[in-house]
PDB file of N, CA and C in Angstrom:
ATOM      1  N   MET A   1       0.827  -1.190   0.000  1.00  0.00           N
ATOM      2  CA  MET A   1       0.000   0.000   0.000  1.00  0.00           C
ATOM      3  C   MET A   1       0.879   1.265   0.000  1.00  0.00           C
ATOM      4  N   ARG A   2       1.979   1.194   0.729  1.00  0.00           N
ATOM      5  CA  ARG A   2       2.881   2.347   0.796  1.00  0.00           C
ATOM      6  C   ARG A   2       3.463   2.673  -0.578  1.00  0.00           C
ATOM      7  N   PHE A   3       3.785   1.618  -1.356  1.00  0.00           N
ATOM      8  CA  PHE A   3       4.317   1.807  -2.705  1.00  0.00           C
ATOM      9  C   PHE A   3       3.311   2.542  -3.594  1.00  0.00           C
ATOM     10  N   ILE A   4       2.054   2.177  -3.491  1.00  0.00           N
ATOM     11  CA  ILE A   4       1.006   2.815  -4.298  1.00  0.00           C
ATOM     12  C   ILE A   4       0.857   4.281  -3.910  1.00  0.00           C
ATOM     13  N   ILE A   5       0.872   4.566  -2.629  1.00  0.00           N
ATOM     14  CA  ILE A   5       0.740   5.949  -2.161  1.00  0.00           C
ATOM     15  C   ILE A   5       1.926   6.789  -2.613  1.00  0.00           C
ATOM     16  N   ARG A   6       3.129   6.236  -2.534  1.00  0.00           N
ATOM     17  CA  ARG A   6       4.321   6.982  -2.968  1.00  0.00           C
ATOM     18  C   ARG A   6       4.314   7.218  -4.477  1.00  0.00           C
ATOM     19  N   THR A   7       3.820   6.248  -5.238  1.00  0.00           N
ATOM     20  CA  THR A   7       3.720   6.417  -6.685  1.00  0.00           C
ATOM     21  C   THR A   7       2.696   7.486  -7.027  1.00  0.00           C
ATOM     22  N   LEU A   8       1.567   7.489  -6.340  1.00  0.00           N
ATOM     23  CA  LEU A   8       0.551   8.527  -6.562  1.00  0.00           C
ATOM     24  C   LEU A   8       1.097   9.905  -6.188  1.00  0.00           C
ATOM     25  N   ALA A   9       1.847   9.978  -5.098  1.00  0.00           N
ATOM     26  CA  ALA A   9       2.447  11.256  -4.698  1.00  0.00           C
ATOM     27  C   ALA A   9       3.448  11.734  -5.744  1.00  0.00           C
ATOM     28  N   ALA A  10       4.232  10.819  -6.314  1.00  0.00           N
ATOM     29  CA  ALA A  10       5.181  11.187  -7.364  1.00  0.00           C
ATOM     30  C   ALA A  10       4.448  11.661  -8.613  1.00  0.00           C
ATOM     31  N   ALA A  11       3.323  11.024  -8.931  1.00  0.00           N
ATOM     32  CA  ALA A  11       2.526  11.452 -10.089  1.00  0.00           C
ATOM     33  C   ALA A  11       1.973  12.855  -9.869  1.00  0.00           C
ATOM     34  N   VAL A  12       1.524  13.148  -8.666  1.00  0.00           N
ATOM     35  CA  VAL A  12       1.040  14.501  -8.355  1.00  0.00           C
ATOM     36  C   VAL A  12       2.188  15.505  -8.457  1.00  0.00           C
ATOM     37  N   ALA A  13       3.353  15.138  -7.962  1.00  0.00           N
ATOM     38  CA  ALA A  13       4.523  16.031  -8.043  1.00  0.00           C
ATOM     39  C   ALA A  13       4.900  16.290  -9.504  1.00  0.00           C
ATOM     40  N   LEU A  14       4.854  15.263 -10.341  1.00  0.00           N
ATOM     41  CA  LEU A  14       5.114  15.455 -11.772  1.00  0.00           C
ATOM     42  C   LEU A  14       4.074  16.377 -12.394  1.00  0.00           C
ATOM     43  N   TRP A  15       2.820  16.202 -12.028  1.00  0.00           N
ATOM     44  CA  TRP A  15       1.745  17.042 -12.543  1.00  0.00           C
ATOM     45  C   TRP A  15       1.979  18.512 -12.178  1.00  0.00           C
ATOM     46  N   VAL A  16       2.396  18.763 -10.946  1.00  0.00           N
ATOM     47  CA  VAL A  16       2.677  20.139 -10.516  1.00  0.00           C
ATOM     48  C   VAL A  16       3.818  20.721 -11.342  1.00  0.00           C
ATOM     49  N   ALA A  17       4.858  19.947 -11.564  1.00  0.00           N
ATOM     50  CA  ALA A  17       5.986  20.432 -12.373  1.00  0.00           C
ATOM     51  C   ALA A  17       5.535  20.733 -13.800  1.00  0.00           C
ATOM     52  N   ILE A  18       4.673  19.904 -14.349  1.00  0.00           N
ATOM     53  CA  ILE A  18       4.152  20.135 -15.706  1.00  0.00           C
ATOM     54  C   ILE A  18       3.346  21.423 -15.755  1.00  0.00           C
ATOM     55  N   GLN A  19       2.622  21.721 -14.697  1.00  0.00           N
ATOM     56  CA  GLN A  19       1.795  22.931 -14.664  1.00  0.00           C
ATOM     57  C   GLN A  19       2.646  24.198 -14.619  1.00  0.00           C
ATOM     58  N   PHE A  20       3.800  24.136 -13.974  1.00  0.00           N
ATOM     59  CA  PHE A  20       4.634  25.321 -13.798  1.00  0.00           C
ATOM     60  C   PHE A  20       5.683  25.527 -14.889  1.00  0.00           C
ATOM     61  N   LEU A  21       6.095  24.468 -15.558  1.00  0.00           N
ATOM     62  CA  LEU A  21       7.196  24.570 -16.519  1.00  0.00           C
ATOM     63  C   LEU A  21       6.733  24.171 -17.923  1.00  0.00           C
ATOM     64  N   ASP A  22       7.103  24.986 -18.900  1.00  0.00           N
ATOM     65  CA  ASP A  22       6.757  24.681 -20.282  1.00  0.00           C
ATOM     66  C   ASP A  22       7.628  23.576 -20.865  1.00  0.00           C
ATOM     67  N   GLY A  23       8.785  23.353 -20.320  1.00  0.00           N
ATOM     68  CA  GLY A  23       9.726  22.382 -20.868  1.00  0.00           C
ATOM     69  C   GLY A  23       9.454  20.950 -20.470  1.00  0.00           C
ATOM     70  N   ILE A  24       8.492  20.718 -19.588  1.00  0.00           N
ATOM     71  CA  ILE A  24       8.104  19.367 -19.189  1.00  0.00           C
ATOM     72  C   ILE A  24       6.655  19.188 -19.613  1.00  0.00           C
ATOM     73  N   ARG A  25       6.400  18.125 -20.395  1.00  0.00           N
ATOM     74  CA  ARG A  25       5.026  17.976 -20.883  1.00  0.00           C
ATOM     75  C   ARG A  25       4.667  16.517 -21.130  1.00  0.00           C
ATOM     76  N   VAL A  26       3.374  16.278 -21.045  1.00  0.00           N
ATOM     77  CA  VAL A  26       2.763  15.017 -21.456  1.00  0.00           C
ATOM     78  C   VAL A  26       1.939  15.358 -22.683  1.00  0.00           C
ATOM     79  N   THR A  27       2.206  14.665 -23.789  1.00  0.00           N
ATOM     80  CA  THR A  27       1.586  15.047 -25.062  1.00  0.00           C
ATOM     81  C   THR A  27       0.317  14.251 -25.356  1.00  0.00           C
ATOM     82  N   THR A  28      -0.536  14.114 -24.360  1.00  0.00           N
ATOM     83  CA  THR A  28      -1.866  13.550 -24.560  1.00  0.00           C
ATOM     84  C   THR A  28      -2.868  14.577 -24.069  1.00  0.00           C
ATOM     85  N   ALA A  29      -4.133  14.358 -24.377  1.00  0.00           N
ATOM     86  CA  ALA A  29      -5.173  15.296 -23.962  1.00  0.00           C
ATOM     87  C   ALA A  29      -5.214  15.389 -22.441  1.00  0.00           C
ATOM     88  N   GLU A  30      -5.110  16.623 -21.942  1.00  0.00           N
ATOM     89  CA  GLU A  30      -5.092  16.831 -20.499  1.00  0.00           C
ATOM     90  C   GLU A  30      -6.428  16.438 -19.883  1.00  0.00           C
ATOM     91  N   ASN A  31      -6.375  15.918 -18.668  1.00  0.00           N
ATOM     92  CA  ASN A  31      -7.538  15.462 -17.906  1.00  0.00           C
ATOM     93  C   ASN A  31      -8.245  14.286 -18.542  1.00  0.00           C
ATOM     94  N   SER A  32      -7.570  13.554 -19.409  1.00  0.00           N
ATOM     95  CA  SER A  32      -8.119  12.316 -19.951  1.00  0.00           C
ATOM     96  C   SER A  32      -7.539  11.155 -19.146  1.00  0.00           C
ATOM     97  N   PRO A  33      -8.183   9.998 -19.193  1.00  0.00           N
ATOM     98  CA  PRO A  33      -7.619   8.842 -18.478  1.00  0.00           C
ATOM     99  C   PRO A  33      -6.203   8.492 -18.955  1.00  0.00           C
ATOM    100  N   LYS A  34      -5.928   8.661 -20.247  1.00  0.00           N
ATOM    101  CA  LYS A  34      -4.591   8.363 -20.771  1.00  0.00           C
ATOM    102  C   LYS A  34      -3.555   9.323 -20.189  1.00  0.00           C
ATOM    103  N   TYR A  35      -3.932  10.588 -19.985  1.00  0.00           N
ATOM    104  CA  TYR A  35      -3.034  11.582 -19.397  1.00  0.00           C
ATOM    105  C   TYR A  35      -2.609  11.151 -17.999  1.00  0.00           C
ATOM    106  N   TRP A  36      -3.599  10.787 -17.179  1.00  0.00           N
ATOM    107  CA  TRP A  36      -3.293  10.397 -15.802  1.00  0.00           C
ATOM    108  C   TRP A  36      -2.583   9.059 -15.750  1.00  0.00           C
ATOM    109  N   GLY A  37      -2.910   8.157 -16.679  1.00  0.00           N
ATOM    110  CA  GLY A  37      -2.189   6.888 -16.770  1.00  0.00           C
ATOM    111  C   GLY A  37      -0.727   7.102 -17.142  1.00  0.00           C
ATOM    112  N   THR A  38      -0.505   8.051 -18.059  1.00  0.00           N
ATOM    113  CA  THR A  38       0.867   8.388 -18.440  1.00  0.00           C
ATOM    114  C   THR A  38       1.629   8.922 -17.243  1.00  0.00           C
ATOM    115  N   LEU A  39       1.000   9.789 -16.468  1.00  0.00           N
ATOM    116  CA  LEU A  39       1.665  10.327 -15.272  1.00  0.00           C
ATOM    117  C   LEU A  39       2.020   9.212 -14.289  1.00  0.00           C
ATOM    118  N   LEU A  40       1.126   8.247 -14.129  1.00  0.00           N
ATOM    119  CA  LEU A  40       1.408   7.135 -13.217  1.00  0.00           C
ATOM    120  C   LEU A  40       2.572   6.282 -13.723  1.00  0.00           C
ATOM    121  N   VAL A  41       2.592   6.011 -15.031  1.00  0.00           N
ATOM    122  CA  VAL A  41       3.688   5.208 -15.595  1.00  0.00           C
ATOM    123  C   VAL A  41       5.013   5.960 -15.468  1.00  0.00           C
ATOM    124  N   VAL A  42       4.993   7.263 -15.747  1.00  0.00           N
ATOM    125  CA  VAL A  42       6.217   8.064 -15.613  1.00  0.00           C
ATOM    126  C   VAL A  42       6.652   8.115 -14.151  1.00  0.00           C
ATOM    127  N   ALA A  43       5.715   8.200 -13.226  1.00  0.00           N
ATOM    128  CA  ALA A  43       6.060   8.182 -11.802  1.00  0.00           C
ATOM    129  C   ALA A  43       6.721   6.860 -11.427  1.00  0.00           C
ATOM    130  N   LEU A  44       6.235   5.753 -11.996  1.00  0.00           N
ATOM    131  CA  LEU A  44       6.861   4.449 -11.746  1.00  0.00           C
ATOM    132  C   LEU A  44       8.293   4.413 -12.302  1.00  0.00           C
ATOM    133  N   ILE A  45       8.459   4.911 -13.529  1.00  0.00           N
ATOM    134  CA  ILE A  45       9.801   4.948 -14.130  1.00  0.00           C
ATOM    135  C   ILE A  45      10.725   5.818 -13.288  1.00  0.00           C
ATOM    136  N   PHE A  46      10.224   6.988 -12.871  1.00  0.00           N
ATOM    137  CA  PHE A  46      11.014   7.908 -12.063  1.00  0.00           C
ATOM    138  C   PHE A  46      11.408   7.252 -10.736  1.00  0.00           C
ATOM    139  N   GLY A  47      10.486   6.518 -10.130  1.00  0.00           N
ATOM    140  CA  GLY A  47      10.792   5.810  -8.883  1.00  0.00           C
ATOM    141  C   GLY A  47      11.847   4.734  -9.072  1.00  0.00           C
ATOM    142  N   ILE A  48      11.756   4.000 -10.184  1.00  0.00           N
ATOM    143  CA  ILE A  48      12.744   2.952 -10.467  1.00  0.00           C
ATOM    144  C   ILE A  48      14.116   3.566 -10.716  1.00  0.00           C
ATOM    145  N   VAL A  49      14.147   4.656 -11.501  1.00  0.00           N
ATOM    146  CA  VAL A  49      15.412   5.340 -11.770  1.00  0.00           C
ATOM    147  C   VAL A  49      16.023   5.838 -10.466  1.00  0.00           C
ATOM    148  N   ASN A  50      15.199   6.429  -9.605  1.00  0.00           N
ATOM    149  CA  ASN A  50      15.710   6.942  -8.331  1.00  0.00           C
ATOM    150  C   ASN A  50      16.130   5.824  -7.382  1.00  0.00           C
ATOM    151  N   ALA A  51      15.525   4.654  -7.508  1.00  0.00           N
ATOM    152  CA  ALA A  51      15.884   3.546  -6.624  1.00  0.00           C
ATOM    153  C   ALA A  51      17.141   2.813  -7.084  1.00  0.00           C
ATOM    154  N   ILE A  52      17.370   2.769  -8.400  1.00  0.00           N
ATOM    155  CA  ILE A  52      18.482   1.980  -8.920  1.00  0.00           C
ATOM    156  C   ILE A  52      19.682   2.844  -9.306  1.00  0.00           C
ATOM    157  N   VAL A  53      19.454   3.848 -10.132  1.00  0.00           N
ATOM    158  CA  VAL A  53      20.561   4.628 -10.701  1.00  0.00           C
ATOM    159  C   VAL A  53      21.070   5.698  -9.734  1.00  0.00           C
ATOM    160  N   LYS A  54      20.161   6.380  -9.054  1.00  0.00           N
ATOM    161  CA  LYS A  54      20.569   7.502  -8.209  1.00  0.00           C
ATOM    162  C   LYS A  54      21.571   7.120  -7.111  1.00  0.00           C
ATOM    163  N   PRO A  55      21.387   6.001  -6.399  1.00  0.00           N
ATOM    164  CA  PRO A  55      22.392   5.658  -5.380  1.00  0.00           C
ATOM    165  C   PRO A  55      23.787   5.428  -5.976  1.00  0.00           C
ATOM    166  N   ILE A  56      23.836   4.864  -7.162  1.00  0.00           N
ATOM    167  CA  ILE A  56      25.131   4.631  -7.808  1.00  0.00           C
ATOM    168  C   ILE A  56      25.791   5.965  -8.137  1.00  0.00           C
ATOM    169  N   VAL A  57      25.010   6.880  -8.719  1.00  0.00           N
ATOM    170  CA  VAL A  57      25.550   8.197  -9.087  1.00  0.00           C
ATOM    171  C   VAL A  57      25.964   8.974  -7.837  1.00  0.00           C
ATOM    172  N   LYS A  58      25.158   8.886  -6.780  1.00  0.00           N
ATOM    173  CA  LYS A  58      25.513   9.586  -5.544  1.00  0.00           C
ATOM    174  C   LYS A  58      26.791   9.027  -4.938  1.00  0.00           C
ATOM    175  N   THR A  59      26.982   7.729  -5.022  1.00  0.00           N
ATOM    176  CA  THR A  59      28.200   7.116  -4.497  1.00  0.00           C
ATOM    177  C   THR A  59      29.417   7.565  -5.293  1.00  0.00           C
ATOM    178  N   LEU A  60      29.295   7.537  -6.612  1.00  0.00           N
ATOM    179  CA  LEU A  60      30.413   7.954  -7.460  1.00  0.00           C
ATOM    180  C   LEU A  60      30.715   9.445  -7.312  1.00  0.00           C
ATOM    181  N   GLY A  61      29.680  10.251  -7.079  1.00  0.00           N
ATOM    182  CA  GLY A  61      29.873  11.695  -6.969  1.00  0.00           C
ATOM    183  C   GLY A  61      29.957  12.203  -5.551  1.00  0.00           C
ATOM    184  N   CYS A  62      30.230  11.319  -4.610  1.00  0.00           N
ATOM    185  CA  CYS A  62      30.252  11.684  -3.193  1.00  0.00           C
ATOM    186  C   CYS A  62      31.199  12.850  -2.901  1.00  0.00           C
ATOM    187  N   ALA A  63      32.378  12.821  -3.479  1.00  0.00           N
ATOM    188  CA  ALA A  63      33.351  13.888  -3.219  1.00  0.00           C
ATOM    189  C   ALA A  63      32.842  15.238  -3.731  1.00  0.00           C
ATOM    190  N   ILE A  64      32.241  15.239  -4.901  1.00  0.00           N
ATOM    191  CA  ILE A  64      31.710  16.495  -5.452  1.00  0.00           C
ATOM    192  C   ILE A  64      30.540  16.997  -4.613  1.00  0.00           C
ATOM    193  N   ILE A  65      29.706  16.074  -4.146  1.00  0.00           N
ATOM    194  CA  ILE A  65      28.573  16.460  -3.297  1.00  0.00           C
ATOM    195  C   ILE A  65      29.074  17.125  -2.019  1.00  0.00           C
ATOM    196  N   VAL A  66      30.101  16.555  -1.416  1.00  0.00           N
ATOM    197  CA  VAL A  66      30.668  17.128  -0.192  1.00  0.00           C
ATOM    198  C   VAL A  66      31.309  18.481  -0.479  1.00  0.00           C
ATOM    199  N   LEU A  67      32.069  18.566  -1.555  1.00  0.00           N
ATOM    200  CA  LEU A  67      32.743  19.829  -1.899  1.00  0.00           C
ATOM    201  C   LEU A  67      31.761  20.962  -2.189  1.00  0.00           C
ATOM    202  N   THR A  68      30.617  20.625  -2.755  1.00  0.00           N
ATOM    203  CA  THR A  68      29.628  21.660  -3.089  1.00  0.00           C
ATOM    204  C   THR A  68      28.571  21.812  -1.998  1.00  0.00           C
ATOM    205  N   LEU A  69      28.796  21.158  -0.869  1.00  0.00           N
ATOM    206  CA  LEU A  69      27.870  21.206   0.272  1.00  0.00           C
ATOM    207  C   LEU A  69      26.459  20.760  -0.114  1.00  0.00           C
ATOM    208  N   GLY A  70      26.385  19.781  -0.989  1.00  0.00           N
ATOM    209  CA  GLY A  70      25.105  19.196  -1.369  1.00  0.00           C
ATOM    210  C   GLY A  70      24.436  19.815  -2.571  1.00  0.00           C
ATOM    211  N   VAL A  71      24.962  20.902  -3.087  1.00  0.00           N
ATOM    212  CA  VAL A  71      24.342  21.566  -4.233  1.00  0.00           C
ATOM    213  C   VAL A  71      24.381  20.663  -5.467  1.00  0.00           C
ATOM    214  N   PHE A  72      25.399  19.814  -5.567  1.00  0.00           N
ATOM    215  CA  PHE A  72      25.508  18.905  -6.706  1.00  0.00           C
ATOM    216  C   PHE A  72      24.342  17.923  -6.751  1.00  0.00           C
ATOM    217  N   LEU A  73      23.664  17.702  -5.624  1.00  0.00           N
ATOM    218  CA  LEU A  73      22.485  16.833  -5.612  1.00  0.00           C
ATOM    219  C   LEU A  73      21.372  17.386  -6.518  1.00  0.00           C
ATOM    220  N   LEU A  74      21.305  18.707  -6.659  1.00  0.00           N
ATOM    221  CA  LEU A  74      20.324  19.299  -7.570  1.00  0.00           C
ATOM    222  C   LEU A  74      20.603  18.874  -9.011  1.00  0.00           C
ATOM    223  N   ILE A  75      21.868  18.823  -9.360  1.00  0.00           N
ATOM    224  CA  ILE A  75      22.246  18.390 -10.705  1.00  0.00           C
ATOM    225  C   ILE A  75      21.945  16.912 -10.892  1.00  0.00           C
ATOM    226  N   ILE A  76      22.181  16.102  -9.877  1.00  0.00           N
ATOM    227  CA  ILE A  76      21.873  14.675  -9.955  1.00  0.00           C
ATOM    228  C   ILE A  76      20.375  14.473 -10.121  1.00  0.00           C
ATOM    229  N   ASN A  77      19.562  15.209  -9.357  1.00  0.00           N
ATOM    230  CA  ASN A  77      18.109  15.085  -9.479  1.00  0.00           C
ATOM    231  C   ASN A  77      17.633  15.481 -10.872  1.00  0.00           C
ATOM    232  N   ALA A  78      18.200  16.538 -11.421  1.00  0.00           N
ATOM    233  CA  ALA A  78      17.832  16.964 -12.778  1.00  0.00           C
ATOM    234  C   ALA A  78      18.234  15.896 -13.791  1.00  0.00           C
ATOM    235  N   ALA A  79      19.394  15.294 -13.604  1.00  0.00           N
ATOM    236  CA  ALA A  79      19.834  14.230 -14.509  1.00  0.00           C
ATOM    237  C   ALA A  79      18.909  13.020 -14.431  1.00  0.00           C
ATOM    238  N   MET A  80      18.405  12.706 -13.243  1.00  0.00           N
ATOM    239  CA  MET A  80      17.471  11.591 -13.098  1.00  0.00           C
ATOM    240  C   MET A  80      16.154  11.886 -13.821  1.00  0.00           C
ATOM    241  N   LEU A  81      15.723  13.142 -13.802  1.00  0.00           N
ATOM    242  CA  LEU A  81      14.509  13.524 -14.526  1.00  0.00           C
ATOM    243  C   LEU A  81      14.731  13.424 -16.030  1.00  0.00           C
ATOM    244  N   LEU A  82      15.896  13.843 -16.513  1.00  0.00           N
ATOM    245  CA  LEU A  82      16.218  13.702 -17.936  1.00  0.00           C
ATOM    246  C   LEU A  82      16.306  12.229 -18.339  1.00  0.00           C
ATOM    247  N   LEU A  83      16.878  11.401 -17.480  1.00  0.00           N
ATOM    248  CA  LEU A  83      16.953   9.972 -17.758  1.00  0.00           C
ATOM    249  C   LEU A  83      15.556   9.358 -17.821  1.00  0.00           C
ATOM    250  N   THR A  84      14.679   9.791 -16.936  1.00  0.00           N
ATOM    251  CA  THR A  84      13.288   9.327 -16.968  1.00  0.00           C
ATOM    252  C   THR A  84      12.628   9.707 -18.281  1.00  0.00           C
ATOM    253  N   SER A  85      12.871  10.927 -18.744  1.00  0.00           N
ATOM    254  CA  SER A  85      12.319  11.370 -20.025  1.00  0.00           C
ATOM    255  C   SER A  85      12.853  10.522 -21.172  1.00  0.00           C
ATOM    256  N   TRP A  86      14.137  10.208 -21.150  1.00  0.00           N
ATOM    257  CA  TRP A  86      14.734   9.397 -22.208  1.00  0.00           C
ATOM    258  C   TRP A  86      14.140   7.996 -22.218  1.00  0.00           C
ATOM    259  N   ILE A  87      14.004   7.392 -21.036  1.00  0.00           N
ATOM    260  CA  ILE A  87      13.423   6.048 -20.941  1.00  0.00           C
ATOM    261  C   ILE A  87      11.982   6.070 -21.429  1.00  0.00           C
ATOM    262  N   ALA A  88      11.227   7.086 -21.040  1.00  0.00           N
ATOM    263  CA  ALA A  88       9.840   7.202 -21.504  1.00  0.00           C
ATOM    264  C   ALA A  88       9.798   7.308 -23.026  1.00  0.00           C
ATOM    265  N   GLY A  89      10.716   8.038 -23.611  1.00  0.00           N
ATOM    266  CA  GLY A  89      10.781   8.145 -25.063  1.00  0.00           C
ATOM    267  C   GLY A  89      11.086   6.807 -25.716  1.00  0.00           C
ATOM    268  N   GLN A  90      11.967   6.023 -25.115  1.00  0.00           N
ATOM    269  CA  GLN A  90      12.303   4.706 -25.660  1.00  0.00           C
ATOM    270  C   GLN A  90      11.114   3.746 -25.586  1.00  0.00           C
ATOM    271  N   LEU A  91      10.242   3.959 -24.605  1.00  0.00           N
ATOM    272  CA  LEU A  91       9.063   3.102 -24.427  1.00  0.00           C
ATOM    273  C   LEU A  91       7.816   3.686 -25.099  1.00  0.00           C
ATOM    274  N   ASP A  92       7.989   4.747 -25.892  1.00  0.00           N
ATOM    275  CA  ASP A  92       6.883   5.443 -26.575  1.00  0.00           C
ATOM    276  C   ASP A  92       5.821   5.959 -25.605  1.00  0.00           C
ATOM    277  N   ILE A  93       6.261   6.427 -24.472  1.00  0.00           N
ATOM    278  CA  ILE A  93       5.368   7.062 -23.506  1.00  0.00           C
ATOM    279  C   ILE A  93       5.425   8.558 -23.775  1.00  0.00           C
ATOM    280  N   PRO A  94       4.271   9.231 -23.920  1.00  0.00           N
ATOM    281  CA  PRO A  94       4.262  10.645 -24.327  1.00  0.00           C
ATOM    282  C   PRO A  94       4.643  11.614 -23.213  1.00  0.00           C
ATOM    283  N   PHE A  95       5.843  11.476 -22.690  1.00  0.00           N
ATOM    284  CA  PHE A  95       6.376  12.366 -21.660  1.00  0.00           C
ATOM    285  C   PHE A  95       7.717  12.876 -22.150  1.00  0.00           C
ATOM    286  N   HIS A  96       7.940  14.195 -22.020  1.00  0.00           N
ATOM    287  CA  HIS A  96       9.184  14.756 -22.538  1.00  0.00           C
ATOM    288  C   HIS A  96       9.659  15.918 -21.670  1.00  0.00           C
ATOM    289  N   VAL A  97      10.961  15.929 -21.405  1.00  0.00           N
ATOM    290  CA  VAL A  97      11.637  17.042 -20.744  1.00  0.00           C
ATOM    291  C   VAL A  97      12.574  17.634 -21.786  1.00  0.00           C
ATOM    292  N   ASP A  98      12.424  18.936 -22.081  1.00  0.00           N
ATOM    293  CA  ASP A  98      13.150  19.556 -23.183  1.00  0.00           C
ATOM    294  C   ASP A  98      14.663  19.550 -23.005  1.00  0.00           C
ATOM    295  N   ASP A  99      15.148  20.118 -21.921  1.00  0.00           N
ATOM    296  CA  ASP A  99      16.591  20.254 -21.754  1.00  0.00           C
ATOM    297  C   ASP A  99      16.933  20.334 -20.268  1.00  0.00           C
ATOM    298  N   PHE A 100      18.236  20.429 -19.997  1.00  0.00           N
ATOM    299  CA  PHE A 100      18.677  20.429 -18.604  1.00  0.00           C
ATOM    300  C   PHE A 100      18.213  21.672 -17.857  1.00  0.00           C
ATOM    301  N   TYR A 101      18.530  22.834 -18.427  1.00  0.00           N
ATOM    302  CA  TYR A 101      18.143  24.077 -17.758  1.00  0.00           C
ATOM    303  C   TYR A 101      17.271  24.869 -18.700  1.00  0.00           C
ATOM    304  N   PRO A 102      16.136  25.302 -18.303  1.00  0.00           N
ATOM    305  CA  PRO A 102      15.548  25.301 -16.970  1.00  0.00           C
ATOM    306  C   PRO A 102      14.650  24.112 -16.667  1.00  0.00           C
ATOM    307  N   ALA A 103      14.244  23.352 -17.686  1.00  0.00           N
ATOM    308  CA  ALA A 103      13.207  22.344 -17.491  1.00  0.00           C
ATOM    309  C   ALA A 103      13.589  21.283 -16.461  1.00  0.00           C
ATOM    310  N   ALA A 104      14.654  20.536 -16.682  1.00  0.00           N
ATOM    311  CA  ALA A 104      14.999  19.445 -15.770  1.00  0.00           C
ATOM    312  C   ALA A 104      15.437  19.971 -14.409  1.00  0.00           C
ATOM    313  N   PHE A 105      16.215  21.041 -14.391  1.00  0.00           N
ATOM    314  CA  PHE A 105      16.727  21.582 -13.132  1.00  0.00           C
ATOM    315  C   PHE A 105      15.582  22.052 -12.236  1.00  0.00           C
ATOM    316  N   TRP A 106      14.750  22.953 -12.757  1.00  0.00           N
ATOM    317  CA  TRP A 106      13.643  23.462 -11.948  1.00  0.00           C
ATOM    318  C   TRP A 106      12.567  22.412 -11.733  1.00  0.00           C
ATOM    319  N   GLY A 107      12.387  21.539 -12.716  1.00  0.00           N
ATOM    320  CA  GLY A 107      11.425  20.453 -12.550  1.00  0.00           C
ATOM    321  C   GLY A 107      11.805  19.534 -11.413  1.00  0.00           C
ATOM    322  N   ALA A 108      13.079  19.208 -11.302  1.00  0.00           N
ATOM    323  CA  ALA A 108      13.548  18.352 -10.218  1.00  0.00           C
ATOM    324  C   ALA A 108      13.347  19.028  -8.866  1.00  0.00           C
ATOM    325  N   ILE A 109      13.567  20.338  -8.820  1.00  0.00           N
ATOM    326  CA  ILE A 109      13.345  21.067  -7.559  1.00  0.00           C
ATOM    327  C   ILE A 109      11.868  21.045  -7.198  1.00  0.00           C
ATOM    328  N   ILE A 110      11.000  21.332  -8.164  1.00  0.00           N
ATOM    329  CA  ILE A 110       9.553  21.336  -7.902  1.00  0.00           C
ATOM    330  C   ILE A 110       9.091  19.952  -7.462  1.00  0.00           C
ATOM    331  N   ILE A 111       9.533  18.913  -8.162  1.00  0.00           N
ATOM    332  CA  ILE A 111       9.134  17.545  -7.812  1.00  0.00           C
ATOM    333  C   ILE A 111       9.627  17.181  -6.415  1.00  0.00           C
ATOM    334  N   SER A 112      10.827  17.568  -6.070  1.00  0.00           N
ATOM    335  CA  SER A 112      11.366  17.275  -4.737  1.00  0.00           C
ATOM    336  C   SER A 112      10.571  17.971  -3.644  1.00  0.00           C
ATOM    337  N   VAL A 113      10.265  19.250  -3.854  1.00  0.00           N
ATOM    338  CA  VAL A 113       9.524  20.015  -2.845  1.00  0.00           C
ATOM    339  C   VAL A 113       8.110  19.469  -2.685  1.00  0.00           C
ATOM    340  N   VAL A 114       7.424  19.223  -3.793  1.00  0.00           N
ATOM    341  CA  VAL A 114       6.051  18.705  -3.711  1.00  0.00           C
ATOM    342  C   VAL A 114       6.043  17.316  -3.078  1.00  0.00           C
ATOM    343  N   SER A 115       6.994  16.468  -3.438  1.00  0.00           N
ATOM    344  CA  SER A 115       7.075  15.136  -2.835  1.00  0.00           C
ATOM    345  C   SER A 115       7.339  15.222  -1.338  1.00  0.00           C
ATOM    346  N   TRP A 116       8.190  16.157  -0.956  1.00  0.00           N
ATOM    347  CA  TRP A 116       8.485  16.346   0.471  1.00  0.00           C
ATOM    348  C   TRP A 116       7.233  16.799   1.223  1.00  0.00           C
ATOM    349  N   VAL A 117       6.510  17.768   0.658  1.00  0.00           N
ATOM    350  CA  VAL A 117       5.283  18.260   1.309  1.00  0.00           C
ATOM    351  C   VAL A 117       4.245  17.143   1.412  1.00  0.00           C
ATOM    352  N   LEU A 118       4.059  16.410   0.322  1.00  0.00           N
ATOM    353  CA  LEU A 118       3.105  15.296   0.366  1.00  0.00           C
ATOM    354  C   LEU A 118       3.539  14.224   1.346  1.00  0.00           C
ATOM    355  N   GLY A 119       4.840  13.990   1.465  1.00  0.00           N
ATOM    356  CA  GLY A 119       5.348  13.040   2.456  1.00  0.00           C
ATOM    357  C   GLY A 119       5.077  13.475   3.883  1.00  0.00           C
ATOM    358  N   MET A 120       5.063  14.798   4.098  1.00  0.00           N
ATOM    359  CA  MET A 120       4.752  15.322   5.434  1.00  0.00           C
ATOM    360  C   MET A 120       3.250  15.182   5.745  1.00  0.00           C
ATOM    361  N   ILE A 121       2.424  15.305   4.725  1.00  0.00           N
ATOM    362  CA  ILE A 121       0.974  15.258   4.905  1.00  0.00           C
ATOM    363  C   ILE A 121       0.464  13.819   5.005  1.00  0.00           C
ATOM    364  N   ILE A 122       0.970  12.950   4.112  1.00  0.00           N
ATOM    365  CA  ILE A 122       0.504  11.570   4.043  1.00  0.00           C
ATOM    366  C   ILE A 122       1.280  10.739   5.050  1.00  0.00           C
ATOM    367  N   PRO A 123       0.581  10.069   5.967  1.00  0.00           N
ATOM    368  CA  PRO A 123       1.292   9.222   6.938  1.00  0.00           C
ATOM    369  C   PRO A 123       1.904   8.011   6.241  1.00  0.00           C
ATOM    370  N   ASP A 124       3.100   7.626   6.675  1.00  0.00           N
ATOM    371  CA  ASP A 124       3.768   6.499   6.042  1.00  0.00           C
ATOM    372  C   ASP A 124       3.736   5.222   6.871  1.00  0.00           C
ATOM    373  N   GLY A 125       3.072   5.249   7.988  1.00  0.00           N
ATOM    374  CA  GLY A 125       2.916   4.044   8.795  1.00  0.00           C
ATOM    375  C   GLY A 125       4.058   3.767   9.739  1.00  0.00           C
ATOM    376  N   ASP A 126       5.023   4.658   9.824  1.00  0.00           N
ATOM    377  CA  ASP A 126       6.168   4.442  10.748  1.00  0.00           C
ATOM    378  C   ASP A 126       5.820   4.921  12.139  1.00  0.00           C
TER     379      ASP A 126
END
């Protein structure tokens, strides 16, 4: 149940980023079942990318993260969003992030903040 709630929260965070940024988009009719299904699938891809690839990148970039006092994590998050967009493109999912800055960079910040707020609101059972 926790996995489903976290995936729904990620889909909402993606939706918020799409609303604020022109460089992140889902190319299906808005408010259609396919639109929301696409957001859920992209949220799943984003969760998988963050669960598998992000720890490896953080481990390899540990020294840079420390030297920049954590600011490099913003770049890693943006790269994970771009990777999600690339994977979605390979799977013919109508989700696209235009470029690193401003779309992926600010999108990653918006998604992180919204996910954090939703995590504070939604109980996780701990």
